[in-house]
Protein backbone atom coordinates (compact mmCIF):
# COMPACT_ATOMS: atom_id res chain seq x y z
CA MET A 1 5.42 21.95 36.41
CA SER A 2 5.66 18.64 34.56
CA SER A 3 8.12 18.18 31.69
CA PRO A 4 6.89 17.91 28.11
CA THR A 5 6.81 14.43 26.60
CA ASP A 6 7.95 13.08 23.28
CA SER A 7 6.15 10.60 21.01
CA ARG A 8 6.64 7.78 23.51
CA ILE A 9 3.98 8.40 26.12
CA GLY A 10 5.43 9.54 29.42
CA THR A 11 9.06 9.95 28.33
CA PRO A 12 10.34 13.36 29.50
CA VAL A 13 12.28 15.48 27.01
CA SER A 14 14.04 18.80 27.21
CA SER A 15 12.84 21.96 25.51
CA LEU A 16 15.73 21.52 23.06
CA ASP A 17 14.37 18.07 22.14
CA VAL A 18 10.90 19.54 21.64
CA THR A 19 12.33 22.21 19.32
CA SER A 20 14.26 19.58 17.39
CA HIS A 21 11.13 17.43 17.18
CA ASP A 22 9.05 20.29 15.76
CA ARG A 23 11.83 21.35 13.42
CA GLY A 24 12.16 17.83 12.04
CA SER A 25 8.41 17.65 11.40
CA ALA A 26 8.39 21.05 9.74
CA TRP A 27 11.31 20.27 7.47
CA GLY A 28 9.83 16.93 6.51
CA LEU A 29 6.50 18.53 5.63
CA VAL A 30 8.09 21.35 3.64
CA VAL A 31 10.33 19.02 1.66
CA GLY A 32 7.43 16.67 0.95
CA LEU A 33 5.09 19.44 -0.18
CA ALA A 34 7.83 20.98 -2.32
CA LEU A 35 8.46 17.63 -3.99
CA VAL A 36 4.76 17.24 -4.78
CA ALA A 37 4.48 20.82 -6.05
CA LEU A 38 7.46 20.41 -8.37
CA ALA A 39 6.17 17.08 -9.68
CA ILE A 40 2.81 18.65 -10.53
CA THR A 41 3.97 21.97 -11.96
CA LEU A 42 7.20 21.26 -13.84
CA PRO A 43 5.81 19.09 -16.67
CA PRO A 44 3.22 21.66 -17.87
CA ALA A 45 5.51 24.60 -17.15
CA LEU A 46 8.43 23.18 -19.12
CA GLY A 47 6.43 21.28 -21.71
CA TRP A 48 7.59 17.86 -20.59
CA SER A 49 5.63 14.86 -21.87
CA VAL A 50 6.03 12.44 -19.00
CA HIS A 51 3.22 10.05 -20.01
CA ALA A 52 1.67 9.45 -16.62
CA THR A 53 -0.96 7.34 -18.40
CA ALA A 54 -0.74 5.18 -21.48
CA HIS A 55 -3.53 6.86 -23.42
CA PHE A 56 -3.30 10.50 -22.29
CA PRO A 57 0.32 11.70 -22.56
CA ASP A 58 -0.24 15.04 -20.82
CA THR A 59 -2.21 14.39 -17.67
CA VAL A 60 -1.99 15.36 -14.01
CA ALA A 61 1.40 13.88 -13.27
CA PRO A 62 2.71 12.46 -11.04
CA LEU A 63 -0.62 10.69 -10.57
CA HIS A 64 -2.18 8.38 -13.13
CA ALA A 65 -5.11 10.78 -13.48
CA VAL A 66 -6.94 13.34 -15.58
CA TRP A 67 -8.84 16.45 -14.49
CA HIS A 68 -12.45 15.53 -13.80
CA PRO A 69 -14.18 17.58 -11.08
CA VAL A 70 -17.12 15.67 -9.64
CA ILE A 71 -19.46 15.64 -6.63
CA GLY A 72 -21.45 12.52 -5.93
CA LEU A 73 -23.25 10.24 -3.54
CA GLY A 74 -20.14 9.61 -1.48
CA THR A 75 -19.20 13.27 -1.03
CA PRO A 76 -21.19 14.04 2.15
CA ILE A 77 -20.40 10.59 3.56
CA ALA A 78 -16.66 11.06 3.01
CA VAL A 79 -16.77 14.53 4.59
CA VAL A 80 -18.57 13.19 7.68
CA VAL A 81 -16.28 10.17 8.03
CA GLY A 82 -13.22 12.39 7.62
CA TRP A 83 -14.53 14.87 10.21
CA LEU A 84 -15.26 12.09 12.70
CA GLY A 85 -11.81 10.64 12.13
CA VAL A 86 -10.11 13.97 12.73
CA THR A 87 -12.12 14.89 15.84
CA ARG A 88 -12.39 11.49 17.50
CA GLY A 89 -9.82 9.22 15.88
CA ASP A 90 -6.94 9.90 18.24
CA ARG A 91 -9.04 9.49 21.37
CA LEU A 92 -10.68 6.28 20.22
CA ALA A 93 -7.40 4.80 18.96
CA THR A 94 -5.73 5.30 22.32
CA THR A 95 -8.61 4.44 24.66
CA LEU A 96 -10.72 1.68 23.08
CA PRO A 97 -10.18 -1.80 24.57
CA TRP A 98 -8.30 -4.09 22.22
CA ARG A 99 -11.28 -6.30 21.34
CA ARG A 100 -13.34 -3.27 20.36
CA LEU A 101 -10.46 -1.51 18.65
CA LEU A 102 -9.99 -4.11 15.93
CA PRO A 103 -13.59 -4.14 14.60
CA ALA A 104 -13.77 -0.36 14.99
CA THR A 105 -10.60 0.02 12.94
CA TYR A 106 -11.97 -2.19 10.21
CA ALA A 107 -15.34 -0.40 10.15
CA ALA A 108 -13.70 3.02 10.00
CA THR A 109 -11.30 2.01 7.23
CA LEU A 110 -14.06 0.39 5.22
CA GLY A 111 -16.31 3.41 5.70
CA TRP A 112 -13.62 5.84 4.54
CA THR A 113 -12.68 3.66 1.55
CA VAL A 114 -16.25 3.07 0.38
CA ALA A 115 -17.24 6.71 0.93
CA LEU A 116 -14.44 7.89 -1.35
CA ALA A 117 -15.34 5.30 -3.99
CA LEU A 118 -18.99 6.36 -3.90
CA VAL A 119 -18.07 9.88 -4.99
CA TYR A 120 -18.60 8.27 -8.42
CA GLY A 121 -21.77 6.55 -7.24
CA PRO A 122 -22.14 2.75 -7.08
CA SER A 123 -20.00 2.49 -10.23
CA GLY A 124 -17.08 3.65 -8.09
CA LEU A 125 -16.94 0.08 -6.79
CA SER A 126 -17.08 -1.54 -10.20
CA ARG A 127 -16.17 0.66 -13.16
CA GLU A 128 -12.43 -0.01 -13.26
CA LEU A 129 -12.81 -3.77 -13.01
CA ASN A 130 -14.80 -3.70 -16.25
CA SER A 131 -11.79 -2.35 -18.13
CA ARG A 132 -10.38 -4.84 -20.61
CA GLN A 133 -6.92 -4.02 -19.23
CA GLU A 134 -7.89 -5.37 -15.82
CA TYR A 135 -7.77 -8.92 -14.50
CA LEU A 136 -11.48 -9.63 -14.21
CA VAL A 137 -12.35 -9.39 -17.89
CA THR A 138 -9.57 -11.86 -18.74
CA ALA A 139 -10.43 -14.08 -15.76
CA ARG A 140 -13.92 -14.65 -17.14
CA THR A 141 -12.39 -16.17 -20.30
CA ILE A 142 -10.13 -18.67 -18.51
CA HIS A 143 -11.66 -22.14 -18.38
CA ASP A 144 -8.48 -24.23 -18.37
CA VAL A 145 -6.19 -23.08 -15.56
CA PRO A 146 -3.27 -25.46 -16.34
CA ALA A 147 -3.26 -24.27 -19.97
CA PHE A 148 -3.43 -20.67 -18.78
CA LEU A 149 -0.37 -21.19 -16.58
CA SER A 150 1.73 -23.18 -19.03
CA GLY A 151 1.15 -20.66 -21.81
CA PHE A 152 1.34 -17.54 -19.67
CA VAL A 153 4.92 -16.44 -20.36
CA ALA A 154 4.59 -16.87 -24.14
CA ARG A 155 1.78 -14.31 -24.17
CA ILE A 156 3.58 -11.59 -22.20
CA PRO A 157 5.65 -10.04 -25.06
CA PHE A 158 4.15 -7.76 -27.70
CA SER A 159 5.60 -10.21 -30.23
CA ALA A 160 2.70 -12.51 -29.32
CA GLY A 161 0.59 -10.23 -31.53
CA ASP A 162 -3.12 -10.12 -30.83
CA ALA A 163 -2.67 -12.94 -28.32
CA HIS A 164 -0.57 -10.88 -25.90
CA TRP A 165 -2.08 -10.32 -22.46
CA PRO A 166 -3.70 -7.00 -21.48
CA ILE A 167 -1.56 -4.58 -19.47
CA HIS A 168 -2.36 -5.65 -15.92
CA VAL A 169 -2.48 -9.36 -16.65
CA ALA A 170 0.87 -9.23 -18.43
CA GLY A 171 2.35 -6.96 -15.78
CA HIS A 172 1.78 -9.37 -12.89
CA PRO A 173 2.37 -13.05 -12.17
CA PRO A 174 -0.69 -15.21 -12.83
CA GLY A 175 -1.60 -15.31 -9.14
CA ALA A 176 -3.28 -11.93 -9.53
CA THR A 177 -5.51 -13.13 -12.36
CA LEU A 178 -6.19 -16.46 -10.65
CA PHE A 179 -7.64 -14.58 -7.68
CA PHE A 180 -10.30 -13.16 -9.99
CA VAL A 181 -10.74 -16.54 -11.70
CA ALA A 182 -11.61 -17.92 -8.26
CA LEU A 183 -14.11 -15.12 -7.66
CA ASP A 184 -15.73 -15.82 -11.02
CA ARG A 185 -15.94 -19.56 -10.29
CA ILE A 186 -17.77 -19.02 -7.00
CA GLY A 187 -20.31 -16.67 -8.52
CA LEU A 188 -18.68 -13.33 -7.67
CA GLY A 189 -17.56 -12.56 -11.21
CA SER A 190 -19.68 -9.45 -11.75
CA SER A 191 -17.68 -6.24 -11.55
CA PHE A 192 -19.73 -4.97 -8.60
CA ALA A 193 -19.46 -8.21 -6.59
CA ALA A 194 -15.74 -8.52 -7.29
CA GLY A 195 -15.25 -4.86 -6.43
CA CYS A 196 -16.97 -5.36 -3.08
CA VAL A 197 -14.79 -8.38 -2.28
CA VAL A 198 -11.60 -6.53 -3.21
CA THR A 199 -12.59 -3.53 -1.10
CA LEU A 200 -13.56 -5.69 1.89
CA ILE A 201 -10.17 -7.40 1.80
CA GLY A 202 -8.15 -4.26 1.20
CA ALA A 203 -9.77 -2.42 4.11
CA SER A 204 -8.40 -5.01 6.55
CA THR A 205 -4.80 -3.84 6.12
CA PRO A 206 -4.70 -1.38 9.08
CA VAL A 207 -6.09 -4.14 11.33
CA ALA A 208 -3.25 -6.45 10.30
CA VAL A 209 -0.66 -3.73 10.95
CA LEU A 210 -2.13 -3.09 14.39
CA VAL A 211 -2.03 -6.81 15.21
CA ALA A 212 1.61 -6.99 14.11
CA MET A 213 2.57 -3.99 16.22
CA ARG A 214 0.97 -5.48 19.31
CA ARG A 215 2.81 -8.76 18.82
CA LEU A 216 6.05 -6.78 18.45
CA GLY A 217 5.47 -5.04 21.78
CA ALA A 218 4.70 -1.68 20.16
CA GLU A 219 0.93 -1.52 20.60
CA GLN A 220 0.95 2.09 21.80
CA ALA A 221 2.94 3.19 18.77
CA GLY A 222 0.51 1.31 16.54
CA ARG A 223 -2.44 3.02 18.22
CA ARG A 224 -0.84 6.46 17.72
CA ALA A 225 -0.30 5.75 14.02
CA LEU A 226 -3.75 4.21 13.56
CA PRO A 227 -5.77 7.32 12.59
CA PHE A 228 -3.25 8.04 9.83
CA LEU A 229 -3.46 4.48 8.54
CA VAL A 230 -7.25 4.64 8.45
CA LEU A 231 -7.60 8.10 6.86
CA ALA A 232 -4.76 7.85 4.36
CA PRO A 233 -5.55 9.06 0.82
CA ALA A 234 -4.35 5.58 -0.20
CA ALA A 235 -7.95 4.47 0.40
CA ILE A 236 -8.75 5.91 -3.04
CA TRP A 237 -6.64 3.19 -4.65
CA VAL A 238 -7.53 0.43 -2.19
CA ALA A 239 -11.14 0.35 -3.43
CA VAL A 240 -11.39 -2.18 -6.27
CA SER A 241 -7.63 -2.19 -6.87
CA GLY A 242 -5.87 -5.52 -6.97
CA ASP A 243 -2.94 -3.83 -5.25
CA GLY A 244 -5.19 -3.19 -2.25
CA VAL A 245 -5.64 -6.96 -1.96
CA PHE A 246 -1.90 -7.49 -2.33
CA ALA A 247 -1.29 -5.00 0.50
CA ALA A 248 -3.70 -6.87 2.78
CA VAL A 249 -2.16 -10.27 2.02
CA ALA A 250 1.33 -8.92 2.77
CA ALA A 251 0.16 -7.23 5.98
CA TRP A 252 -1.55 -10.35 7.31
CA GLY A 253 1.52 -12.39 6.41
CA LEU A 254 3.67 -10.04 8.47
CA ALA A 255 1.15 -10.11 11.33
CA ALA A 256 1.21 -13.92 11.31
CA LEU A 257 5.01 -13.85 11.22
CA ALA A 258 5.09 -11.55 14.25
CA ALA A 259 2.66 -13.87 16.04
CA ALA A 260 4.75 -16.95 15.27
CA MET A 261 7.93 -15.26 16.42
CA THR A 262 6.50 -14.04 19.73
CA THR A 263 4.19 -16.80 20.94
CA SER A 264 5.40 -18.87 23.86
CA ARG A 265 3.26 -21.88 22.93
CA PRO A 266 5.33 -24.46 21.00
CA GLY A 267 2.21 -26.16 19.65
CA VAL A 268 1.14 -22.90 18.06
CA ARG A 269 4.52 -21.48 17.07
CA TRP A 270 5.35 -23.86 14.21
CA PRO A 271 1.90 -24.05 12.55
CA VAL A 272 1.60 -20.25 12.64
CA ALA A 273 5.09 -19.99 11.14
CA VAL A 274 3.94 -22.18 8.26
CA VAL A 275 0.84 -20.02 7.75
CA ALA A 276 3.00 -16.89 7.85
CA GLY A 277 5.33 -18.37 5.24
CA LEU A 278 2.45 -19.32 2.94
CA LEU A 279 0.95 -15.84 3.21
CA LEU A 280 4.32 -14.17 2.62
CA GLY A 281 4.87 -16.44 -0.36
CA LEU A 282 1.77 -15.07 -2.07
CA PRO A 283 2.85 -11.44 -2.72
CA PRO A 284 5.63 -12.43 -5.19
CA VAL A 285 3.14 -14.48 -7.25
CA LEU A 286 0.67 -11.57 -7.16
CA SER A 287 3.12 -8.80 -8.11
CA TYR A 288 6.79 -9.22 -9.05
CA GLY A 289 7.97 -6.22 -7.06
CA LEU A 290 6.49 -7.57 -3.85
CA VAL A 291 9.47 -9.83 -3.36
CA LEU A 292 10.62 -6.68 -1.53
CA VAL A 293 8.11 -7.47 1.23
CA GLY A 294 10.90 -9.79 2.30
CA LEU A 295 12.69 -6.76 3.76
CA LEU A 296 9.75 -6.15 6.09
CA ALA A 297 9.73 -9.84 7.00
CA LEU A 298 13.42 -9.67 7.85
CA ALA A 299 12.73 -6.63 10.02
CA VAL A 300 10.11 -8.62 11.96
CA VAL A 301 12.51 -11.54 12.37
CA GLY A 302 15.29 -9.19 13.49
CA LEU A 303 13.05 -7.44 16.01
CA THR A 304 11.96 -10.73 17.56
CA ARG A 305 15.26 -12.59 17.05
CA GLY A 306 13.26 -15.48 15.76
CA TRP A 307 15.98 -16.81 13.50
CA SER A 308 15.26 -20.42 14.44
CA LEU A 309 11.91 -20.23 12.63
CA LEU A 310 13.34 -18.63 9.50
CA PRO A 311 13.95 -21.95 7.65
CA VAL A 312 10.33 -23.00 8.21
CA VAL A 313 8.99 -19.64 7.07
CA THR A 314 11.28 -19.58 4.03
CA ALA A 315 10.36 -23.11 2.97
CA SER A 316 6.65 -22.34 3.33
CA ALA A 317 7.06 -19.08 1.40
CA ALA A 318 8.47 -21.01 -1.56
CA VAL A 319 5.34 -23.16 -1.87
CA PRO A 320 3.18 -20.78 -3.99
CA THR A 321 6.00 -20.24 -6.48
CA LEU A 322 6.75 -23.98 -6.67
CA LEU A 323 3.06 -24.85 -7.14
CA LEU A 324 2.87 -22.50 -10.13
CA ALA A 325 6.12 -23.94 -11.47
CA GLY A 326 4.61 -27.40 -11.22
CA SER A 327 1.81 -26.19 -13.49
CA GLY A 328 4.19 -24.72 -16.06
CA PHE A 329 4.66 -21.11 -14.94
CA TYR A 330 8.20 -20.17 -14.00
CA LEU A 331 8.56 -16.86 -12.21
CA TRP A 332 12.21 -16.56 -13.19
CA ASP A 333 11.31 -16.79 -16.90
CA ALA A 334 8.35 -14.42 -16.67
CA TYR A 335 10.08 -11.40 -15.15
CA PRO A 336 12.64 -10.94 -17.96
CA ALA A 337 9.81 -11.28 -20.50
CA LEU A 338 7.82 -8.61 -18.69
CA ARG A 339 10.82 -6.29 -18.44
CA GLN A 340 11.34 -6.57 -22.20
CA ARG A 341 7.67 -5.84 -22.85
CA TYR A 342 7.80 -2.80 -20.58
CA TRP A 343 10.80 -1.37 -22.38
CA ASP A 344 9.28 -2.19 -25.75
CA GLY A 345 6.19 -0.25 -24.72
CA LEU A 346 5.64 2.77 -22.49
CA ALA A 347 8.83 2.78 -20.41
CA PRO A 348 11.01 4.78 -22.87
CA ASP A 349 8.34 7.52 -22.92
CA ARG A 350 8.56 7.91 -19.15
CA PRO A 351 11.81 9.83 -18.57
CA ALA A 352 13.85 8.60 -15.62
CA ALA A 353 15.05 12.18 -15.02
CA TYR A 354 11.50 12.96 -13.94
CA TRP A 355 10.03 9.71 -12.63
CA THR A 356 12.92 8.72 -10.37
CA TRP A 357 11.94 11.54 -8.00
CA ALA A 358 8.36 12.20 -9.13
CA SER A 359 7.36 8.65 -8.19
CA LEU A 360 8.23 9.59 -4.62
CA ALA A 361 5.90 12.57 -4.95
CA ALA A 362 3.13 10.22 -6.10
CA LEU A 363 3.82 8.08 -3.04
CA LEU A 364 3.46 11.17 -0.84
CA LEU A 365 0.06 11.88 -2.39
CA SER A 366 -1.02 8.28 -1.78
CA ALA A 367 0.29 8.01 1.78
CA GLY A 368 -0.60 11.65 2.41
CA PRO A 369 1.65 14.68 3.01
CA ALA A 370 1.71 13.83 6.72
CA LEU A 371 4.21 11.14 5.78
CA GLY A 372 6.81 13.83 5.06
CA ALA A 373 6.28 15.45 8.46
CA ALA A 374 6.31 12.04 10.14
CA LEU A 375 9.60 10.99 8.55
CA GLY A 376 11.13 14.28 9.62
CA ALA A 377 9.87 13.77 13.16
CA LEU A 378 11.12 10.21 13.25
CA ALA A 379 14.56 11.29 12.09
CA ALA A 380 14.64 13.85 14.91
CA VAL A 381 13.61 11.50 17.73
CA ARG A 382 14.43 8.05 16.41
CA ARG A 383 16.38 7.13 19.56
CA ARG A 384 13.28 7.80 21.65
CA THR A 385 10.87 6.02 19.31
CA ASP A 386 9.82 2.37 19.53
CA ARG A 387 12.40 0.18 17.84
CA ALA A 388 9.63 -1.60 15.89
CA VAL A 389 8.58 1.69 14.28
CA VAL A 390 12.14 2.56 13.27
CA TRP A 391 12.89 -0.87 11.83
CA LEU A 392 9.62 -1.29 9.94
CA VAL A 393 9.67 2.23 8.50
CA ALA A 394 13.29 1.74 7.46
CA ALA A 395 12.46 -1.59 5.80
CA ALA A 396 9.50 -0.12 3.92
CA ALA A 397 11.56 2.90 2.83
CA SER A 398 14.34 0.61 1.63
CA ALA A 399 11.83 -1.40 -0.41
CA VAL A 400 10.54 1.79 -2.04
CA VAL A 401 14.07 2.98 -2.85
CA LEU A 402 14.95 -0.36 -4.46
CA ALA A 403 11.69 -0.42 -6.43
CA ASP A 404 12.35 3.12 -7.60
CA ALA A 405 15.93 2.30 -8.60
CA SER A 406 14.76 -0.68 -10.67
CA GLN A 407 13.04 1.74 -13.09
CA MET A 408 10.20 -0.77 -13.30
CA SER A 409 8.02 1.48 -11.15
CA LYS A 410 7.82 4.66 -13.20
CA ALA A 411 4.37 6.19 -12.63
CA GLU A 412 1.25 4.61 -11.10
CA VAL A 413 3.16 3.98 -7.87
CA GLU A 414 0.33 5.56 -5.87
CA ARG A 415 -1.29 2.17 -6.51
CA ILE A 416 1.70 -0.13 -7.06
CA TRP A 417 3.40 0.77 -3.77
CA LEU A 418 0.25 0.38 -1.64
CA PRO A 419 1.73 -2.63 0.23
CA PHE A 420 4.47 -0.39 1.66
CA VAL A 421 2.29 2.63 2.55
CA PRO A 422 0.90 1.44 5.93
CA TRP A 423 4.35 0.48 7.18
CA LEU A 424 5.74 3.87 6.16
CA LEU A 425 2.83 5.57 7.94
CA LEU A 426 3.93 3.99 11.21
CA ALA A 427 6.31 6.95 11.30
CA THR A 428 3.30 9.10 12.26
CA ALA A 429 3.61 7.60 15.74
CA ALA A 430 6.57 9.97 16.15
CA LEU A 431 4.66 13.15 15.27
CA PRO A 432 4.60 15.82 18.03
CA ARG A 433 1.25 15.92 19.81
CA ARG A 434 0.35 19.40 18.57
CA TRP A 435 1.02 18.32 14.99
CA ARG A 436 -1.35 15.40 15.02
CA ARG A 437 -4.74 17.00 14.37
CA PRO A 438 -3.49 19.44 11.70
CA ALA A 439 -1.68 16.55 10.01
CA LEU A 440 -4.87 14.46 10.04
CA VAL A 441 -6.83 17.37 8.59
CA LEU A 442 -4.25 17.62 5.81
CA GLN A 443 -4.61 13.90 5.07
CA VAL A 444 -8.38 14.15 4.78
CA VAL A 445 -8.29 17.32 2.66
CA VAL A 446 -5.81 15.83 0.21
CA ALA A 447 -7.87 12.65 -0.14
CA LEU A 448 -11.05 14.65 -0.77
CA LEU A 449 -9.37 16.96 -3.28
CA VAL A 450 -7.81 14.14 -5.25
CA GLU A 451 -11.03 12.15 -5.41
CA HIS A 452 -13.21 15.14 -6.30
CA LEU A 453 -10.91 16.92 -8.77
CA LEU A 454 -9.18 14.04 -10.54
CA ASP A 455 -10.29 10.85 -12.22
CA THR A 456 -7.61 8.42 -11.09
CA GLY A 457 -9.36 5.44 -12.67
CA TRP A 458 -10.14 4.00 -9.24
């Protein structure tokens, strides 16, 4: 009789290892579900006002959401896509040839993302972008980009009066708004057109992660994690969310970095390193907290031992920040102004005693409860798991812990931490084989419940 195998295909393990593997998964799932349950039930049970949203103090914390049961055009599509993913995802992810796997991954991710958005009908791809708090409405009013940049910091504080920027514009570096300015300038400034572009970009993230894993010599681990990346509840917030674009930019930057570090062609190595640096330099000018993507970049460099390219990548990564500085926007002046605005506004109403741990519960709802089981499994068999999985998951987890500790990510992290979700979900490569389908079912069910019972604004 053949021995059982662990998460690395073909590696024999003892029955004790199998028991430990299952126990780790079970404990991880239980702890994760308990954290989510407490985050949902304690505020109403104890009368806590945790202000998950700015305008509705008592909502469905820890998500930025209100109760709003709905069934729509996307409901049957999402059910079918979820069912296909659960029944065929694992087999296709592990057997499709590489050239077919990449377009199939993109098509499946896009289908799942759009189907969930269409639960609200076609407006699911446009309604949030029409909010005056979003980037697009402001982007349509910007006709002088240099003036916009040079005066940006002065309009962050509430002391700017009626001239202060709306929430999302003020809460991010101007790169985020400039992306939508560019869309408006090329004729894609309607909310529906911009929403389609954002969704098309955001859906490419799992493809980038898969490319990175192959370059890091961990293609099989990437394939095993792939169904969980595609069917993550995070797709709810990828559709028409700027953070979905930020996640894709970061993922492709890391994929390019892995390619630069592993190619044996000198004529390709240096140009790709420059491209990787430029891409990795964009996240910090799109969202302040995404400077933490640097931890993932360091993990890639450490895995490949590509330290000789680090100066090139670092210099290239500084270019976006320096270009904005040359136009009058200084990142180092903007962040303190934003921090002051945050603490002058909603931050004091969001108690750290709740949000420090409840934000992690929101992350578990975004990544899906399978993340808890996967982290437990990874902890149990980390020595038998691909080094790339361990390093990248550890880097993403470290980024989340630092973001949480900063107290600048209290609530709405189901959206804000999207760039770290796919790298955390690589831990699902370590799930025991018999856990995989039930875990995928749980992912799909949670995504459907959240989208059909709650109005998350996305």
